[in-house]
Amino acid sequence: MRYVALSALLLVAANLAACSQSYASRVDANTYRIEGPEIPGGSDAPNRRLAEKLCPQHGWRVIEESRRKPQEGAQIATYWTIRCL
């Protein structure tokens, strides 16, 4: 019984971790569009982590930022367009 509860807890934790990641698409050579996950309060920490992975050498700059709720009753998602320096 204890193993079932433990495995269920690990499965839920893995699903929550996967939902808190940002996704990026390349616009041109040094520009990326980052779509953040839905997070209460609209935190941009997942976007920052991904931007640091995409532009590790010289840093990055946010060119455009927007925040919105994708659906009624959803949390706030952040959208960035960044350029690597």
N, C-alpha and C. Protein backbone atom coordinates (compact mmCIF):
# COMPACT_ATOMS: atom_id res chain seq x y z
N MET A 1 0.82 -1.19 0.00
CA MET A 1 0.00 0.00 0.00
C MET A 1 0.87 1.26 0.00
N ARG A 2 1.95 1.21 0.74
CA ARG A 2 2.81 2.37 0.84
C ARG A 2 3.50 2.64 -0.50
N TYR A 3 3.86 1.57 -1.24
CA TYR A 3 4.50 1.74 -2.54
C TYR A 3 3.56 2.35 -3.56
N VAL A 4 2.29 2.05 -3.48
CA VAL A 4 1.31 2.62 -4.40
C VAL A 4 1.18 4.12 -4.16
N ALA A 5 1.13 4.52 -2.90
CA ALA A 5 1.02 5.94 -2.56
C ALA A 5 2.28 6.69 -2.97
N LEU A 6 3.44 6.07 -2.75
CA LEU A 6 4.70 6.71 -3.12
C LEU A 6 4.82 6.86 -4.64
N SER A 7 4.45 5.85 -5.38
CA SER A 7 4.53 5.95 -6.84
C SER A 7 3.53 6.96 -7.38
N ALA A 8 2.36 7.06 -6.78
CA ALA A 8 1.38 8.06 -7.20
C ALA A 8 1.91 9.47 -6.93
N LEU A 9 2.57 9.66 -5.79
CA LEU A 9 3.14 10.96 -5.45
C LEU A 9 4.24 11.34 -6.43
N LEU A 10 5.10 10.40 -6.80
CA LEU A 10 6.16 10.68 -7.77
C LEU A 10 5.60 11.00 -9.14
N LEU A 11 4.54 10.33 -9.53
CA LEU A 11 3.92 10.58 -10.82
C LEU A 11 3.32 11.98 -10.87
N VAL A 12 2.67 12.41 -9.81
CA VAL A 12 2.09 13.75 -9.75
C VAL A 12 3.19 14.81 -9.78
N ALA A 13 4.28 14.58 -9.04
CA ALA A 13 5.39 15.54 -9.02
C ALA A 13 6.02 15.66 -10.39
N ALA A 14 6.18 14.56 -11.11
CA ALA A 14 6.76 14.61 -12.45
C ALA A 14 5.86 15.37 -13.41
N ASN A 15 4.56 15.19 -13.30
CA ASN A 15 3.62 15.91 -14.17
C ASN A 15 3.64 17.41 -13.89
N LEU A 16 3.74 17.80 -12.63
CA LEU A 16 3.78 19.22 -12.29
C LEU A 16 5.07 19.87 -12.77
N ALA A 17 6.18 19.16 -12.68
CA ALA A 17 7.45 19.71 -13.14
C ALA A 17 7.43 19.91 -14.65
N ALA A 18 6.80 19.03 -15.38
CA ALA A 18 6.73 19.17 -16.84
C ALA A 18 5.86 20.35 -17.25
N CYS A 19 4.90 20.71 -16.45
CA CYS A 19 4.00 21.81 -16.78
C CYS A 19 4.62 23.17 -16.53
N SER A 20 5.73 23.25 -15.82
CA SER A 20 6.31 24.54 -15.47
C SER A 20 7.52 24.88 -16.32
N GLN A 21 7.57 24.39 -17.54
CA GLN A 21 8.68 24.69 -18.43
C GLN A 21 8.24 25.63 -19.54
N SER A 22 9.18 26.45 -19.97
CA SER A 22 8.95 27.34 -21.11
C SER A 22 9.37 26.64 -22.39
N TYR A 23 8.83 27.11 -23.51
CA TYR A 23 9.18 26.57 -24.82
C TYR A 23 9.65 27.71 -25.70
N ALA A 24 10.65 27.44 -26.53
CA ALA A 24 11.20 28.49 -27.39
C ALA A 24 11.14 28.06 -28.85
N SER A 25 10.99 29.05 -29.71
CA SER A 25 11.09 28.83 -31.15
C SER A 25 11.99 29.92 -31.72
N ARG A 26 12.79 29.54 -32.69
CA ARG A 26 13.75 30.48 -33.27
C ARG A 26 13.06 31.37 -34.30
N VAL A 27 13.27 32.69 -34.18
CA VAL A 27 12.72 33.65 -35.13
C VAL A 27 13.75 33.93 -36.22
N ASP A 28 14.98 34.24 -35.82
CA ASP A 28 16.10 34.36 -36.75
C ASP A 28 17.38 33.93 -36.03
N ALA A 29 18.54 34.32 -36.54
CA ALA A 29 19.81 33.80 -36.03
C ALA A 29 20.01 34.02 -34.53
N ASN A 30 19.66 35.18 -34.02
CA ASN A 30 19.88 35.50 -32.61
C ASN A 30 18.60 35.85 -31.86
N THR A 31 17.44 35.59 -32.42
CA THR A 31 16.17 35.98 -31.82
C THR A 31 15.31 34.74 -31.58
N TYR A 32 14.70 34.69 -30.40
CA TYR A 32 13.85 33.57 -30.01
C TYR A 32 12.54 34.07 -29.46
N ARG A 33 11.48 33.31 -29.65
CA ARG A 33 10.17 33.57 -29.07
C ARG A 33 9.97 32.54 -27.97
N ILE A 34 9.79 32.99 -26.74
CA ILE A 34 9.63 32.10 -25.58
C ILE A 34 8.20 32.17 -25.10
N GLU A 35 7.57 31.02 -24.95
CA GLU A 35 6.22 30.92 -24.41
C GLU A 35 6.31 30.27 -23.04
N GLY A 36 5.97 31.04 -22.02
CA GLY A 36 6.05 30.55 -20.66
C GLY A 36 4.83 29.75 -20.27
N PRO A 37 4.94 28.96 -19.21
CA PRO A 37 3.80 28.18 -18.73
C PRO A 37 2.81 29.07 -17.97
N GLU A 38 1.64 28.53 -17.72
CA GLU A 38 0.65 29.25 -16.92
C GLU A 38 1.04 29.12 -15.45
N ILE A 39 1.33 30.26 -14.83
CA ILE A 39 1.77 30.28 -13.43
C ILE A 39 0.95 31.32 -12.68
N PRO A 40 0.48 31.00 -11.47
CA PRO A 40 -0.24 32.00 -10.69
C PRO A 40 0.63 33.24 -10.46
N GLY A 41 0.10 34.39 -10.72
CA GLY A 41 0.83 35.63 -10.56
C GLY A 41 1.65 36.02 -11.77
N GLY A 42 1.79 35.14 -12.75
CA GLY A 42 2.51 35.47 -13.98
C GLY A 42 4.01 35.58 -13.80
N SER A 43 4.63 34.73 -13.01
CA SER A 43 6.07 34.76 -12.81
C SER A 43 6.79 34.52 -14.14
N ASP A 44 7.91 35.21 -14.33
CA ASP A 44 8.69 35.01 -15.54
C ASP A 44 9.97 34.23 -15.29
N ALA A 45 10.08 33.56 -14.16
CA ALA A 45 11.28 32.77 -13.83
C ALA A 45 11.54 31.64 -14.84
N PRO A 46 10.53 30.88 -15.29
CA PRO A 46 10.82 29.85 -16.30
C PRO A 46 11.34 30.44 -17.61
N ASN A 47 10.86 31.61 -17.99
CA ASN A 47 11.34 32.27 -19.21
C ASN A 47 12.80 32.69 -19.03
N ARG A 48 13.14 33.21 -17.85
CA ARG A 48 14.50 33.63 -17.58
C ARG A 48 15.47 32.45 -17.64
N ARG A 49 15.06 31.31 -17.05
CA ARG A 49 15.92 30.12 -17.08
C ARG A 49 16.17 29.65 -18.51
N LEU A 50 15.14 29.64 -19.34
CA LEU A 50 15.30 29.20 -20.72
C LEU A 50 16.15 30.20 -21.51
N ALA A 51 15.97 31.48 -21.28
CA ALA A 51 16.77 32.50 -21.97
C ALA A 51 18.25 32.34 -21.62
N GLU A 52 18.56 32.01 -20.38
CA GLU A 52 19.95 31.81 -19.98
C GLU A 52 20.54 30.56 -20.64
N LYS A 53 19.72 29.55 -20.90
CA LYS A 53 20.19 28.36 -21.61
C LYS A 53 20.41 28.64 -23.10
N LEU A 54 19.55 29.47 -23.69
CA LEU A 54 19.66 29.77 -25.11
C LEU A 54 20.82 30.71 -25.42
N CYS A 55 21.12 31.61 -24.50
CA CYS A 55 22.17 32.63 -24.72
C CYS A 55 23.18 32.61 -23.58
N PRO A 56 23.98 31.55 -23.44
CA PRO A 56 24.84 31.42 -22.27
C PRO A 56 26.08 32.30 -22.28
N GLN A 57 26.58 32.70 -23.45
CA GLN A 57 27.87 33.38 -23.50
C GLN A 57 27.80 34.86 -23.18
N HIS A 58 26.99 35.60 -23.89
CA HIS A 58 27.00 37.06 -23.74
C HIS A 58 25.71 37.63 -23.17
N GLY A 59 24.77 36.79 -22.80
CA GLY A 59 23.52 37.27 -22.23
C GLY A 59 22.44 37.50 -23.28
N TRP A 60 21.36 38.13 -22.84
CA TRP A 60 20.19 38.31 -23.69
C TRP A 60 19.44 39.57 -23.28
N ARG A 61 18.56 40.02 -24.16
CA ARG A 61 17.73 41.19 -23.89
C ARG A 61 16.31 40.90 -24.33
N VAL A 62 15.33 41.29 -23.52
CA VAL A 62 13.92 41.12 -23.88
C VAL A 62 13.54 42.24 -24.84
N ILE A 63 13.08 41.86 -26.02
CA ILE A 63 12.65 42.84 -27.02
C ILE A 63 11.18 43.15 -26.86
N GLU A 64 10.38 42.11 -26.63
CA GLU A 64 8.94 42.28 -26.47
C GLU A 64 8.45 41.33 -25.38
N GLU A 65 7.53 41.82 -24.55
CA GLU A 65 6.97 41.00 -23.47
C GLU A 65 5.46 41.21 -23.42
N SER A 66 4.73 40.11 -23.23
CA SER A 66 3.29 40.22 -23.03
C SER A 66 2.86 39.17 -22.02
N ARG A 67 1.78 39.46 -21.33
CA ARG A 67 1.19 38.55 -20.34
C ARG A 67 -0.29 38.46 -20.63
N ARG A 68 -0.79 37.22 -20.62
CA ARG A 68 -2.23 37.06 -20.85
C ARG A 68 -2.69 35.72 -20.33
N LYS A 69 -4.00 35.61 -20.20
CA LYS A 69 -4.63 34.36 -19.82
C LYS A 69 -5.09 33.66 -21.09
N PRO A 70 -4.54 32.49 -21.41
CA PRO A 70 -4.92 31.82 -22.65
C PRO A 70 -6.40 31.43 -22.71
N GLN A 71 -7.00 31.11 -21.56
CA GLN A 71 -8.40 30.70 -21.52
C GLN A 71 -9.06 31.31 -20.30
N GLU A 72 -10.37 31.28 -20.30
CA GLU A 72 -11.14 31.74 -19.14
C GLU A 72 -10.82 30.85 -17.95
N GLY A 73 -10.47 31.43 -16.83
CA GLY A 73 -10.17 30.67 -15.62
C GLY A 73 -8.76 30.12 -15.56
N ALA A 74 -7.93 30.41 -16.56
CA ALA A 74 -6.54 29.93 -16.57
C ALA A 74 -5.66 30.91 -15.79
N GLN A 75 -4.44 30.49 -15.52
CA GLN A 75 -3.46 31.36 -14.88
C GLN A 75 -2.78 32.23 -15.94
N ILE A 76 -1.97 33.17 -15.51
CA ILE A 76 -1.30 34.09 -16.42
C ILE A 76 -0.08 33.41 -17.05
N ALA A 77 0.05 33.54 -18.36
CA ALA A 77 1.21 33.04 -19.10
C ALA A 77 1.99 34.23 -19.64
N THR A 78 3.32 34.11 -19.66
CA THR A 78 4.17 35.18 -20.17
C THR A 78 4.77 34.77 -21.50
N TYR A 79 4.88 35.74 -22.40
CA TYR A 79 5.44 35.53 -23.73
C TYR A 79 6.53 36.55 -23.95
N TRP A 80 7.72 36.08 -24.31
CA TRP A 80 8.85 36.96 -24.55
C TRP A 80 9.39 36.77 -25.95
N THR A 81 9.93 37.83 -26.50
CA THR A 81 10.80 37.75 -27.67
C THR A 81 12.15 38.28 -27.20
N ILE A 82 13.19 37.43 -27.29
CA ILE A 82 14.50 37.83 -26.80
C ILE A 82 15.51 37.83 -27.93
N ARG A 83 16.59 38.58 -27.73
CA ARG A 83 17.70 38.58 -28.68
C ARG A 83 18.98 38.32 -27.90
N CYS A 84 19.77 37.36 -28.37
CA CYS A 84 21.05 37.05 -27.76
C CYS A 84 22.05 38.16 -28.10
N LEU A 85 22.82 38.58 -27.13
CA LEU A 85 23.81 39.64 -27.35
C LEU A 85 25.13 39.09 -27.81
